[in-house]
Amino acid sequence: MPTSQDLQKILREFNLMGYADTSAKYIDNGKNGKIITKQIGEYKYEDEFYGGEPYSGNETIWFNGKDVFRCVYWGKVEKGIKFGDVYDFLRKALMQGPNNNLVHRGPAEFIEGNLKYTNSIEGTIDEFRQIEKIFIDNKEVYIAYFFGGRVNIQEE
């Protein structure tokens, strides 16, 4: 069973290989959604999402075939905002990675021109609640919620 630190490190690697990477290829999952699967050693990662605006999805990490991490998410871009621009900026923020006590996605804050990304979290990789936002000229135009943590820690 991986430690919390090991899991946090591998999640970061998978996040960089997923949505943050503009060349990552999500494929049709046969259920009106998209999915990406990645493998690093004994770890397997899957990110499956549905929708466009708003969107929802989940991430899972397996270690030696046993699920050890799950995260569910939901997010949206405000109506009237060109979401391609917002998501291009989001990818740049995600490439920065988490800092401080953050365990997932991007840094606490990332600014480029009139765009600002913020990421706040309660908890640790073991159990967390996170809110990610993007602002244009200090007006909130994007929000996403993430809930997740380790799974299958206790044995019966």
C-alpha atoms as a PDB file:
ATOM      1  CA  MET A   1       0.000   0.000   0.000  1.00  0.00           C
ATOM      2  CA  PRO A   2       1.500   3.359  -1.002  1.00  0.00           C
ATOM      3  CA  THR A   3       2.094   6.018   1.642  1.00  0.00           C
ATOM      4  CA  SER A   4       0.198   9.310   1.478  1.00  0.00           C
ATOM      5  CA  GLN A   5       3.375  10.994   0.214  1.00  0.00           C
ATOM      6  CA  ASP A   6       3.830   8.365  -2.525  1.00  0.00           C
ATOM      7  CA  LEU A   7       0.208   8.761  -3.578  1.00  0.00           C
ATOM      8  CA  GLN A   8       0.460  12.549  -3.675  1.00  0.00           C
ATOM      9  CA  LYS A   9       3.605  12.333  -5.831  1.00  0.00           C
ATOM     10  CA  ILE A  10       2.083   9.878  -8.325  1.00  0.00           C
ATOM     11  CA  LEU A  11      -1.164  11.902  -8.517  1.00  0.00           C
ATOM     12  CA  ARG A  12       0.926  14.926  -9.500  1.00  0.00           C
ATOM     13  CA  GLU A  13       2.638  12.921 -12.251  1.00  0.00           C
ATOM     14  CA  PHE A  14      -0.692  11.649 -13.580  1.00  0.00           C
ATOM     15  CA  ASN A  15      -2.236  15.146 -13.468  1.00  0.00           C
ATOM     16  CA  LEU A  16       0.610  16.430 -15.653  1.00  0.00           C
ATOM     17  CA  MET A  17      -0.043  13.575 -18.117  1.00  0.00           C
ATOM     18  CA  GLY A  18      -3.810  14.242 -18.171  1.00  0.00           C
ATOM     19  CA  TYR A  19      -5.823  17.398 -18.700  1.00  0.00           C
ATOM     20  CA  ALA A  20      -2.852  19.729 -18.078  1.00  0.00           C
ATOM     21  CA  ASP A  21      -1.120  18.254 -21.152  1.00  0.00           C
ATOM     22  CA  THR A  22      -2.536  19.774 -24.352  1.00  0.00           C
ATOM     23  CA  SER A  23      -1.439  16.675 -26.294  1.00  0.00           C
ATOM     24  CA  ALA A  24      -3.256  14.213 -23.986  1.00  0.00           C
ATOM     25  CA  LYS A  25      -5.863  12.204 -25.879  1.00  0.00           C
ATOM     26  CA  TYR A  26      -9.165  11.467 -24.175  1.00  0.00           C
ATOM     27  CA  ILE A  27     -11.210   8.814 -25.978  1.00  0.00           C
ATOM     28  CA  ASP A  28     -14.916   8.073 -26.149  1.00  0.00           C
ATOM     29  CA  ASN A  29     -15.922   5.787 -23.275  1.00  0.00           C
ATOM     30  CA  GLY A  30     -18.994   4.427 -25.072  1.00  0.00           C
ATOM     31  CA  LYS A  31     -21.311   6.077 -22.505  1.00  0.00           C
ATOM     32  CA  ASN A  32     -21.410   9.662 -23.876  1.00  0.00           C
ATOM     33  CA  GLY A  33     -18.273  10.597 -21.929  1.00  0.00           C
ATOM     34  CA  LYS A  34     -14.514  10.756 -22.409  1.00  0.00           C
ATOM     35  CA  ILE A  35     -11.754   8.853 -20.643  1.00  0.00           C
ATOM     36  CA  ILE A  36      -7.974   8.820 -20.385  1.00  0.00           C
ATOM     37  CA  THR A  37      -5.946   5.995 -18.870  1.00  0.00           C
ATOM     38  CA  LYS A  38      -2.258   6.201 -17.940  1.00  0.00           C
ATOM     39  CA  GLN A  39       0.186   3.758 -16.321  1.00  0.00           C
ATOM     40  CA  ILE A  40       3.375   4.380 -14.309  1.00  0.00           C
ATOM     41  CA  GLY A  41       4.941   1.217 -12.917  1.00  0.00           C
ATOM     42  CA  GLU A  42       2.457  -0.482 -10.563  1.00  0.00           C
ATOM     43  CA  TYR A  43       0.133   2.553 -10.680  1.00  0.00           C
ATOM     44  CA  LYS A  44      -2.766   2.938 -13.098  1.00  0.00           C
ATOM     45  CA  TYR A  45      -4.747   6.174 -13.456  1.00  0.00           C
ATOM     46  CA  GLU A  46      -8.098   6.865 -15.071  1.00  0.00           C
ATOM     47  CA  ASP A  47      -9.904  10.187 -15.552  1.00  0.00           C
ATOM     48  CA  GLU A  48     -13.448   9.936 -16.908  1.00  0.00           C
ATOM     49  CA  PHE A  49     -15.640  12.975 -17.524  1.00  0.00           C
ATOM     50  CA  TYR A  50     -19.056  13.874 -18.887  1.00  0.00           C
ATOM     51  CA  GLY A  51     -20.601  16.992 -20.315  1.00  0.00           C
ATOM     52  CA  GLY A  52     -19.224  20.150 -21.782  1.00  0.00           C
ATOM     53  CA  GLU A  53     -20.607  23.089 -19.849  1.00  0.00           C
ATOM     54  CA  PRO A  54     -20.991  22.288 -17.027  1.00  0.00           C
ATOM     55  CA  TYR A  55     -18.907  19.111 -16.740  1.00  0.00           C
ATOM     56  CA  SER A  56     -18.455  16.363 -14.162  1.00  0.00           C
ATOM     57  CA  GLY A  57     -16.146  13.424 -13.708  1.00  0.00           C
ATOM     58  CA  ASN A  58     -13.979  11.257 -11.517  1.00  0.00           C
ATOM     59  CA  GLU A  59     -10.379  10.169 -11.148  1.00  0.00           C
ATOM     60  CA  THR A  60      -9.177   6.814  -9.842  1.00  0.00           C
ATOM     61  CA  ILE A  61      -5.701   5.496  -9.044  1.00  0.00           C
ATOM     62  CA  TRP A  62      -5.008   1.775  -8.643  1.00  0.00           C
ATOM     63  CA  PHE A  63      -1.858   0.302  -7.082  1.00  0.00           C
ATOM     64  CA  ASN A  64      -1.162  -3.306  -8.086  1.00  0.00           C
ATOM     65  CA  GLY A  65      -4.785  -3.632  -9.222  1.00  0.00           C
ATOM     66  CA  LYS A  66      -6.342  -2.282  -5.995  1.00  0.00           C
ATOM     67  CA  ASP A  67      -8.106   1.097  -6.027  1.00  0.00           C
ATOM     68  CA  VAL A  68      -6.289   3.430  -3.600  1.00  0.00           C
ATOM     69  CA  PHE A  69      -7.520   6.943  -4.563  1.00  0.00           C
ATOM     70  CA  ARG A  70     -10.779   8.467  -5.844  1.00  0.00           C
ATOM     71  CA  CYS A  71     -11.816  12.018  -6.622  1.00  0.00           C
ATOM     72  CA  VAL A  72     -15.101  13.309  -8.049  1.00  0.00           C
ATOM     73  CA  TYR A  73     -15.459  16.750  -9.590  1.00  0.00           C
ATOM     74  CA  TRP A  74     -17.912  19.223 -11.138  1.00  0.00           C
ATOM     75  CA  GLY A  75     -17.179  22.553 -12.800  1.00  0.00           C
ATOM     76  CA  LYS A  76     -18.427  25.231 -15.167  1.00  0.00           C
ATOM     77  CA  VAL A  77     -17.598  28.391 -17.076  1.00  0.00           C
ATOM     78  CA  GLU A  78     -20.086  31.244 -16.671  1.00  0.00           C
ATOM     79  CA  LYS A  79     -22.506  31.839 -19.541  1.00  0.00           C
ATOM     80  CA  GLY A  80     -21.304  34.327 -22.120  1.00  0.00           C
ATOM     81  CA  ILE A  81     -17.616  33.594 -21.491  1.00  0.00           C
ATOM     82  CA  LYS A  82     -15.508  32.039 -24.261  1.00  0.00           C
ATOM     83  CA  PHE A  83     -14.610  28.812 -22.466  1.00  0.00           C
ATOM     84  CA  GLY A  84     -11.773  27.865 -24.841  1.00  0.00           C
ATOM     85  CA  ASP A  85      -9.743  30.796 -23.512  1.00  0.00           C
ATOM     86  CA  VAL A  86     -10.566  29.900 -19.906  1.00  0.00           C
ATOM     87  CA  TYR A  87      -9.534  26.271 -20.376  1.00  0.00           C
ATOM     88  CA  ASP A  88      -6.297  27.224 -22.170  1.00  0.00           C
ATOM     89  CA  PHE A  89      -5.393  29.347 -19.138  1.00  0.00           C
ATOM     90  CA  LEU A  90      -6.477  26.556 -16.772  1.00  0.00           C
ATOM     91  CA  ARG A  91      -4.015  24.162 -18.430  1.00  0.00           C
ATOM     92  CA  LYS A  92      -1.203  26.682 -17.892  1.00  0.00           C
ATOM     93  CA  ALA A  93      -2.127  26.951 -14.205  1.00  0.00           C
ATOM     94  CA  LEU A  94      -2.277  23.162 -13.823  1.00  0.00           C
ATOM     95  CA  MET A  95       1.203  22.804 -15.330  1.00  0.00           C
ATOM     96  CA  GLN A  96       2.477  24.838 -12.344  1.00  0.00           C
ATOM     97  CA  GLY A  97       1.336  22.079  -9.999  1.00  0.00           C
ATOM     98  CA  PRO A  98       0.151  22.302  -6.425  1.00  0.00           C
ATOM     99  CA  ASN A  99       2.172  24.220  -3.837  1.00  0.00           C
ATOM    100  CA  ASN A 100       1.979  24.898  -0.098  1.00  0.00           C
ATOM    101  CA  ASN A 101      -0.454  22.396   1.481  1.00  0.00           C
ATOM    102  CA  LEU A 102      -2.271  21.706  -1.804  1.00  0.00           C
ATOM    103  CA  VAL A 103      -2.377  18.106  -2.999  1.00  0.00           C
ATOM    104  CA  HIS A 104      -4.174  18.313  -6.318  1.00  0.00           C
ATOM    105  CA  ARG A 105      -4.311  20.292  -9.557  1.00  0.00           C
ATOM    106  CA  GLY A 106      -2.702  23.750  -9.583  1.00  0.00           C
ATOM    107  CA  PRO A 107      -1.018  26.217  -7.228  1.00  0.00           C
ATOM    108  CA  ALA A 108      -2.734  28.413  -4.651  1.00  0.00           C
ATOM    109  CA  GLU A 109      -2.575  31.264  -7.172  1.00  0.00           C
ATOM    110  CA  PHE A 110      -1.410  31.774 -10.750  1.00  0.00           C
ATOM    111  CA  ILE A 111      -1.708  35.075 -12.621  1.00  0.00           C
ATOM    112  CA  GLU A 112      -1.134  35.880 -16.276  1.00  0.00           C
ATOM    113  CA  GLY A 113      -2.252  39.267 -17.579  1.00  0.00           C
ATOM    114  CA  ASN A 114      -5.854  39.872 -16.540  1.00  0.00           C
ATOM    115  CA  LEU A 115      -6.431  36.182 -15.708  1.00  0.00           C
ATOM    116  CA  LYS A 116      -6.106  34.757 -12.208  1.00  0.00           C
ATOM    117  CA  TYR A 117      -6.391  31.130 -11.065  1.00  0.00           C
ATOM    118  CA  THR A 118      -6.960  30.243  -7.417  1.00  0.00           C
ATOM    119  CA  ASN A 119      -6.998  26.860  -5.698  1.00  0.00           C
ATOM    120  CA  SER A 120      -8.044  26.329  -2.086  1.00  0.00           C
ATOM    121  CA  ILE A 121      -8.227  23.092  -0.137  1.00  0.00           C
ATOM    122  CA  GLU A 122      -9.403  21.659   3.144  1.00  0.00           C
ATOM    123  CA  GLY A 123      -7.714  18.428   4.168  1.00  0.00           C
ATOM    124  CA  THR A 124      -4.901  16.266   2.836  1.00  0.00           C
ATOM    125  CA  ILE A 125      -4.483  13.608   0.145  1.00  0.00           C
ATOM    126  CA  ASP A 126      -6.198  11.242   2.584  1.00  0.00           C
ATOM    127  CA  GLU A 127      -9.445  13.266   2.496  1.00  0.00           C
ATOM    128  CA  PHE A 128      -9.923  16.652   0.847  1.00  0.00           C
ATOM    129  CA  ARG A 129     -12.372  19.214  -0.463  1.00  0.00           C
ATOM    130  CA  GLN A 130     -11.064  21.673  -2.998  1.00  0.00           C
ATOM    131  CA  ILE A 131     -12.353  24.692  -4.927  1.00  0.00           C
ATOM    132  CA  GLU A 132     -10.662  25.965  -8.064  1.00  0.00           C
ATOM    133  CA  LYS A 133     -11.587  29.339  -9.612  1.00  0.00           C
ATOM    134  CA  ILE A 134     -10.595  31.523 -12.545  1.00  0.00           C
ATOM    135  CA  PHE A 135     -11.153  35.271 -12.717  1.00  0.00           C
ATOM    136  CA  ILE A 136     -10.991  37.658 -15.666  1.00  0.00           C
ATOM    137  CA  ASP A 137     -10.423  41.253 -14.531  1.00  0.00           C
ATOM    138  CA  ASN A 138     -11.324  40.128 -10.972  1.00  0.00           C
ATOM    139  CA  LYS A 139     -14.693  38.738 -12.122  1.00  0.00           C
ATOM    140  CA  GLU A 140     -15.208  35.030 -11.378  1.00  0.00           C
ATOM    141  CA  VAL A 141     -15.804  33.181 -14.666  1.00  0.00           C
ATOM    142  CA  TYR A 142     -15.000  29.551 -13.748  1.00  0.00           C
ATOM    143  CA  ILE A 143     -15.453  27.359 -10.694  1.00  0.00           C
ATOM    144  CA  ALA A 144     -14.824  23.674 -10.036  1.00  0.00           C
ATOM    145  CA  TYR A 145     -15.312  21.520  -6.941  1.00  0.00           C
ATOM    146  CA  PHE A 146     -13.262  18.435  -6.095  1.00  0.00           C
ATOM    147  CA  PHE A 147     -13.901  15.881  -3.346  1.00  0.00           C
ATOM    148  CA  GLY A 148     -11.610  12.951  -2.823  1.00  0.00           C
ATOM    149  CA  GLY A 149      -9.018  11.015  -0.974  1.00  0.00           C
ATOM    150  CA  ARG A 150      -7.566   7.607  -0.279  1.00  0.00           C
ATOM    151  CA  VAL A 151      -9.784   4.533  -0.417  1.00  0.00           C
ATOM    152  CA  ASN A 152      -9.422   0.941   0.818  1.00  0.00           C
ATOM    153  CA  ILE A 153      -7.169   1.831   3.725  1.00  0.00           C
ATOM    154  CA  GLN A 154      -8.910  -0.209   6.437  1.00  0.00           C
ATOM    155  CA  GLU A 155      -9.252  -3.968   6.270  1.00  0.00           C
ATOM    156  CA  GLU A 156     -12.252  -5.757   7.818  1.00  0.00           C
END
